[in-house]
Amino acid sequence: MSREIKINKYKGNTHYSVRVVDSYGQEHHIGYYKHLYTNKLEEKAHEIWSNEVKQEPNSMDLAISALIKLDEQSGIYFTDNRGNHRDGLD
């Protein structure tokens, strides 16, 4: 995987959400910014990249993931046309 800095507009285009992706493909949210200063963002990204550790999923993460897959297969859990995750129970 490649390392990336992802910048997306957030909440009415007044702020930016910044995420850093490490070489393991793990995303790290570094904050919301009204003004972007590339030197500060790059500094935080390099700090994350210099301390990369592949995180192993714990048993709770695996259990929740398995339950979500079961819900998706049975049609209970889905994503609507606006990208919202729904449980189909409301």
N, C-alpha and C. Protein backbone atom coordinates (compact mmCIF):
# COMPACT_ATOMS: atom_id res chain seq x y z
N MET A 1 0.84 -1.18 0.00
CA MET A 1 0.00 0.00 0.00
C MET A 1 0.88 1.24 0.00
N SER A 2 0.32 2.29 -0.52
CA SER A 2 1.07 3.55 -0.54
C SER A 2 0.61 4.45 0.61
N ARG A 3 1.47 5.33 0.97
CA ARG A 3 1.15 6.30 2.01
C ARG A 3 0.43 7.48 1.37
N GLU A 4 -0.57 8.00 2.07
CA GLU A 4 -1.36 9.10 1.52
C GLU A 4 -1.77 10.07 2.62
N ILE A 5 -2.04 11.29 2.20
CA ILE A 5 -2.72 12.27 3.04
C ILE A 5 -4.03 12.57 2.33
N LYS A 6 -5.17 12.27 2.98
CA LYS A 6 -6.48 12.48 2.39
C LYS A 6 -7.13 13.72 3.02
N ILE A 7 -7.54 14.64 2.18
CA ILE A 7 -8.19 15.87 2.65
C ILE A 7 -9.56 15.95 2.00
N ASN A 8 -10.61 16.01 2.82
CA ASN A 8 -11.98 16.08 2.34
C ASN A 8 -12.70 17.25 3.00
N LYS A 9 -13.59 17.88 2.25
CA LYS A 9 -14.40 18.95 2.83
C LYS A 9 -15.39 18.33 3.80
N TYR A 10 -15.70 19.06 4.84
CA TYR A 10 -16.53 18.54 5.93
C TYR A 10 -17.56 19.57 6.34
N LYS A 11 -18.78 19.15 6.63
CA LYS A 11 -19.85 19.97 7.21
C LYS A 11 -20.02 21.32 6.52
N GLY A 12 -20.71 21.31 5.40
CA GLY A 12 -21.04 22.56 4.72
C GLY A 12 -19.85 23.24 4.09
N ASN A 13 -18.81 22.49 3.82
CA ASN A 13 -17.61 23.00 3.15
C ASN A 13 -16.90 24.12 3.93
N THR A 14 -17.07 24.14 5.24
CA THR A 14 -16.39 25.17 6.02
C THR A 14 -15.11 24.65 6.67
N HIS A 15 -14.99 23.35 6.79
CA HIS A 15 -13.81 22.74 7.41
C HIS A 15 -13.34 21.58 6.55
N TYR A 16 -12.12 21.14 6.82
CA TYR A 16 -11.55 20.00 6.12
C TYR A 16 -11.26 18.89 7.13
N SER A 17 -11.55 17.67 6.73
CA SER A 17 -11.21 16.49 7.52
C SER A 17 -9.93 15.92 6.92
N VAL A 18 -8.93 15.68 7.77
CA VAL A 18 -7.63 15.21 7.27
C VAL A 18 -7.33 13.84 7.86
N ARG A 19 -7.01 12.91 6.97
CA ARG A 19 -6.65 11.55 7.36
C ARG A 19 -5.32 11.19 6.71
N VAL A 20 -4.54 10.39 7.43
CA VAL A 20 -3.27 9.90 6.91
C VAL A 20 -3.37 8.39 6.80
N VAL A 21 -2.97 7.85 5.64
CA VAL A 21 -2.96 6.41 5.42
C VAL A 21 -1.51 5.94 5.47
N ASP A 22 -1.25 4.92 6.32
CA ASP A 22 0.11 4.41 6.41
C ASP A 22 0.33 3.28 5.39
N SER A 23 1.52 2.70 5.37
CA SER A 23 1.85 1.69 4.37
C SER A 23 1.10 0.38 4.60
N TYR A 24 0.46 0.20 5.76
CA TYR A 24 -0.36 -0.98 6.01
C TYR A 24 -1.80 -0.76 5.58
N GLY A 25 -2.14 0.43 5.11
CA GLY A 25 -3.50 0.73 4.69
C GLY A 25 -4.40 1.20 5.83
N GLN A 26 -3.83 1.44 6.99
CA GLN A 26 -4.59 1.89 8.15
C GLN A 26 -4.75 3.40 8.09
N GLU A 27 -5.98 3.88 8.32
CA GLU A 27 -6.23 5.32 8.30
C GLU A 27 -6.13 5.89 9.70
N HIS A 28 -5.51 7.06 9.80
CA HIS A 28 -5.37 7.78 11.07
C HIS A 28 -5.97 9.17 10.87
N HIS A 29 -7.03 9.48 11.61
CA HIS A 29 -7.66 10.80 11.50
C HIS A 29 -6.83 11.76 12.34
N ILE A 30 -6.35 12.83 11.71
CA ILE A 30 -5.51 13.77 12.47
C ILE A 30 -6.23 15.07 12.80
N GLY A 31 -7.48 15.23 12.33
CA GLY A 31 -8.23 16.38 12.81
C GLY A 31 -9.05 17.07 11.75
N TYR A 32 -9.77 18.09 12.21
CA TYR A 32 -10.57 18.96 11.37
C TYR A 32 -9.90 20.33 11.35
N TYR A 33 -9.80 20.92 10.17
CA TYR A 33 -9.10 22.19 10.04
C TYR A 33 -9.93 23.16 9.21
N LYS A 34 -9.92 24.42 9.63
CA LYS A 34 -10.57 25.46 8.85
C LYS A 34 -9.60 25.98 7.79
N HIS A 35 -8.32 26.05 8.15
CA HIS A 35 -7.28 26.48 7.23
C HIS A 35 -6.23 25.39 7.17
N LEU A 36 -5.76 25.09 5.97
CA LEU A 36 -4.77 24.03 5.78
C LEU A 36 -3.38 24.61 5.64
N TYR A 37 -2.48 24.11 6.45
CA TYR A 37 -1.07 24.50 6.37
C TYR A 37 -0.30 23.23 6.06
N THR A 38 0.20 23.13 4.82
CA THR A 38 0.79 21.87 4.38
C THR A 38 2.00 21.45 5.20
N ASN A 39 2.78 22.40 5.70
CA ASN A 39 3.95 22.01 6.48
C ASN A 39 3.55 21.31 7.78
N LYS A 40 2.47 21.76 8.43
CA LYS A 40 2.02 21.11 9.66
C LYS A 40 1.40 19.75 9.37
N LEU A 41 0.64 19.65 8.28
CA LEU A 41 0.04 18.37 7.92
C LEU A 41 1.11 17.35 7.55
N GLU A 42 2.10 17.78 6.79
CA GLU A 42 3.19 16.88 6.41
C GLU A 42 3.98 16.44 7.63
N GLU A 43 4.18 17.34 8.59
CA GLU A 43 4.89 17.01 9.81
C GLU A 43 4.16 15.92 10.59
N LYS A 44 2.83 16.06 10.73
CA LYS A 44 2.05 15.05 11.43
C LYS A 44 2.05 13.73 10.67
N ALA A 45 1.97 13.79 9.35
CA ALA A 45 1.98 12.58 8.53
C ALA A 45 3.31 11.85 8.68
N HIS A 46 4.41 12.57 8.63
CA HIS A 46 5.73 11.94 8.78
C HIS A 46 5.90 11.33 10.17
N GLU A 47 5.31 11.95 11.18
CA GLU A 47 5.36 11.38 12.54
C GLU A 47 4.62 10.04 12.58
N ILE A 48 3.46 9.98 11.95
CA ILE A 48 2.70 8.72 11.91
C ILE A 48 3.47 7.68 11.11
N TRP A 49 4.00 8.07 9.95
CA TRP A 49 4.71 7.12 9.10
C TRP A 49 5.99 6.61 9.73
N SER A 50 6.65 7.43 10.54
CA SER A 50 7.89 6.98 11.17
C SER A 50 7.65 6.03 12.34
N ASN A 51 6.41 5.97 12.83
CA ASN A 51 6.07 5.09 13.96
C ASN A 51 5.03 4.04 13.57
N GLU A 52 5.06 3.59 12.31
CA GLU A 52 4.05 2.64 11.84
C GLU A 52 4.16 1.29 12.54
N VAL A 53 3.00 0.78 12.91
CA VAL A 53 2.91 -0.56 13.49
C VAL A 53 1.61 -1.17 12.96
N LYS A 54 1.71 -2.38 12.43
CA LYS A 54 0.50 -3.04 11.94
C LYS A 54 -0.33 -3.48 13.13
N GLN A 55 -1.56 -2.98 13.19
CA GLN A 55 -2.44 -3.32 14.30
C GLN A 55 -3.18 -4.60 13.98
N GLU A 56 -3.08 -5.55 14.87
CA GLU A 56 -3.80 -6.81 14.72
C GLU A 56 -5.20 -6.64 15.31
N PRO A 57 -6.21 -7.13 14.63
CA PRO A 57 -7.57 -7.00 15.17
C PRO A 57 -7.73 -7.86 16.43
N ASN A 58 -8.39 -7.31 17.44
CA ASN A 58 -8.62 -8.09 18.65
C ASN A 58 -9.89 -8.92 18.48
N SER A 59 -10.18 -9.76 19.43
CA SER A 59 -11.30 -10.68 19.31
C SER A 59 -12.65 -9.94 19.22
N MET A 60 -12.79 -8.82 19.89
CA MET A 60 -14.04 -8.05 19.81
C MET A 60 -14.23 -7.50 18.41
N ASP A 61 -13.16 -6.97 17.79
CA ASP A 61 -13.25 -6.47 16.42
C ASP A 61 -13.67 -7.57 15.46
N LEU A 62 -13.09 -8.75 15.61
CA LEU A 62 -13.42 -9.87 14.74
C LEU A 62 -14.87 -10.30 14.92
N ALA A 63 -15.35 -10.31 16.16
CA ALA A 63 -16.72 -10.72 16.44
C ALA A 63 -17.72 -9.72 15.84
N ILE A 64 -17.47 -8.44 16.01
CA ILE A 64 -18.36 -7.42 15.45
C ILE A 64 -18.36 -7.49 13.93
N SER A 65 -17.19 -7.67 13.33
CA SER A 65 -17.09 -7.79 11.87
C SER A 65 -17.88 -8.99 11.36
N ALA A 66 -17.80 -10.10 12.06
CA ALA A 66 -18.54 -11.30 11.66
C ALA A 66 -20.05 -11.07 11.76
N LEU A 67 -20.49 -10.38 12.80
CA LEU A 67 -21.92 -10.09 12.95
C LEU A 67 -22.43 -9.15 11.87
N ILE A 68 -21.64 -8.16 11.50
CA ILE A 68 -22.03 -7.23 10.44
C ILE A 68 -22.16 -7.98 9.12
N LYS A 69 -21.22 -8.89 8.84
CA LYS A 69 -21.30 -9.68 7.61
C LYS A 69 -22.56 -10.54 7.59
N LEU A 70 -22.90 -11.13 8.73
CA LEU A 70 -24.13 -11.93 8.80
C LEU A 70 -25.36 -11.06 8.55
N ASP A 71 -25.38 -9.85 9.12
CA ASP A 71 -26.50 -8.94 8.91
C ASP A 71 -26.61 -8.53 7.44
N GLU A 72 -25.46 -8.27 6.80
CA GLU A 72 -25.48 -7.90 5.38
C GLU A 72 -26.00 -9.04 4.53
N GLN A 73 -25.59 -10.26 4.84
CA GLN A 73 -26.03 -11.42 4.07
C GLN A 73 -27.53 -11.66 4.23
N SER A 74 -28.06 -11.36 5.39
CA SER A 74 -29.48 -11.59 5.63
C SER A 74 -30.34 -10.38 5.23
N GLY A 75 -29.71 -9.27 4.84
CA GLY A 75 -30.45 -8.10 4.38
C GLY A 75 -30.87 -7.15 5.49
N ILE A 76 -30.43 -7.39 6.71
CA ILE A 76 -30.80 -6.51 7.82
C ILE A 76 -29.99 -5.22 7.79
N TYR A 77 -28.71 -5.33 7.50
CA TYR A 77 -27.80 -4.18 7.50
C TYR A 77 -27.46 -3.83 6.07
N PHE A 78 -27.64 -2.57 5.68
CA PHE A 78 -27.36 -2.16 4.31
C PHE A 78 -27.03 -0.68 4.25
N THR A 79 -26.61 -0.23 3.09
CA THR A 79 -26.32 1.18 2.87
C THR A 79 -27.39 1.73 1.94
N ASP A 80 -28.03 2.84 2.36
CA ASP A 80 -29.09 3.41 1.53
C ASP A 80 -28.50 4.24 0.38
N ASN A 81 -29.37 4.85 -0.43
CA ASN A 81 -28.92 5.57 -1.62
C ASN A 81 -28.15 6.85 -1.30
N ARG A 82 -28.14 7.27 -0.04
CA ARG A 82 -27.37 8.46 0.36
C ARG A 82 -26.07 8.08 1.06
N GLY A 83 -25.75 6.79 1.13
CA GLY A 83 -24.51 6.36 1.76
C GLY A 83 -24.61 6.14 3.26
N ASN A 84 -25.82 6.23 3.81
CA ASN A 84 -26.00 6.02 5.24
C ASN A 84 -26.16 4.53 5.54
N HIS A 85 -25.52 4.09 6.59
CA HIS A 85 -25.66 2.70 7.00
C HIS A 85 -26.93 2.54 7.83
N ARG A 86 -27.76 1.58 7.45
CA ARG A 86 -29.03 1.38 8.10
C ARG A 86 -29.11 -0.05 8.64
N ASP A 87 -29.86 -0.24 9.69
CA ASP A 87 -30.02 -1.59 10.23
C ASP A 87 -31.33 -2.23 9.82
N GLY A 88 -32.20 -1.53 9.11
CA GLY A 88 -33.43 -2.08 8.62
C GLY A 88 -34.45 -2.40 9.70
N LEU A 89 -34.21 -1.96 10.92
CA LEU A 89 -35.10 -2.27 12.02
C LEU A 89 -36.00 -1.10 12.40
N ASP A 90 -35.85 0.02 11.74
CA ASP A 90 -36.69 1.18 12.07
C ASP A 90 -37.80 1.39 11.08
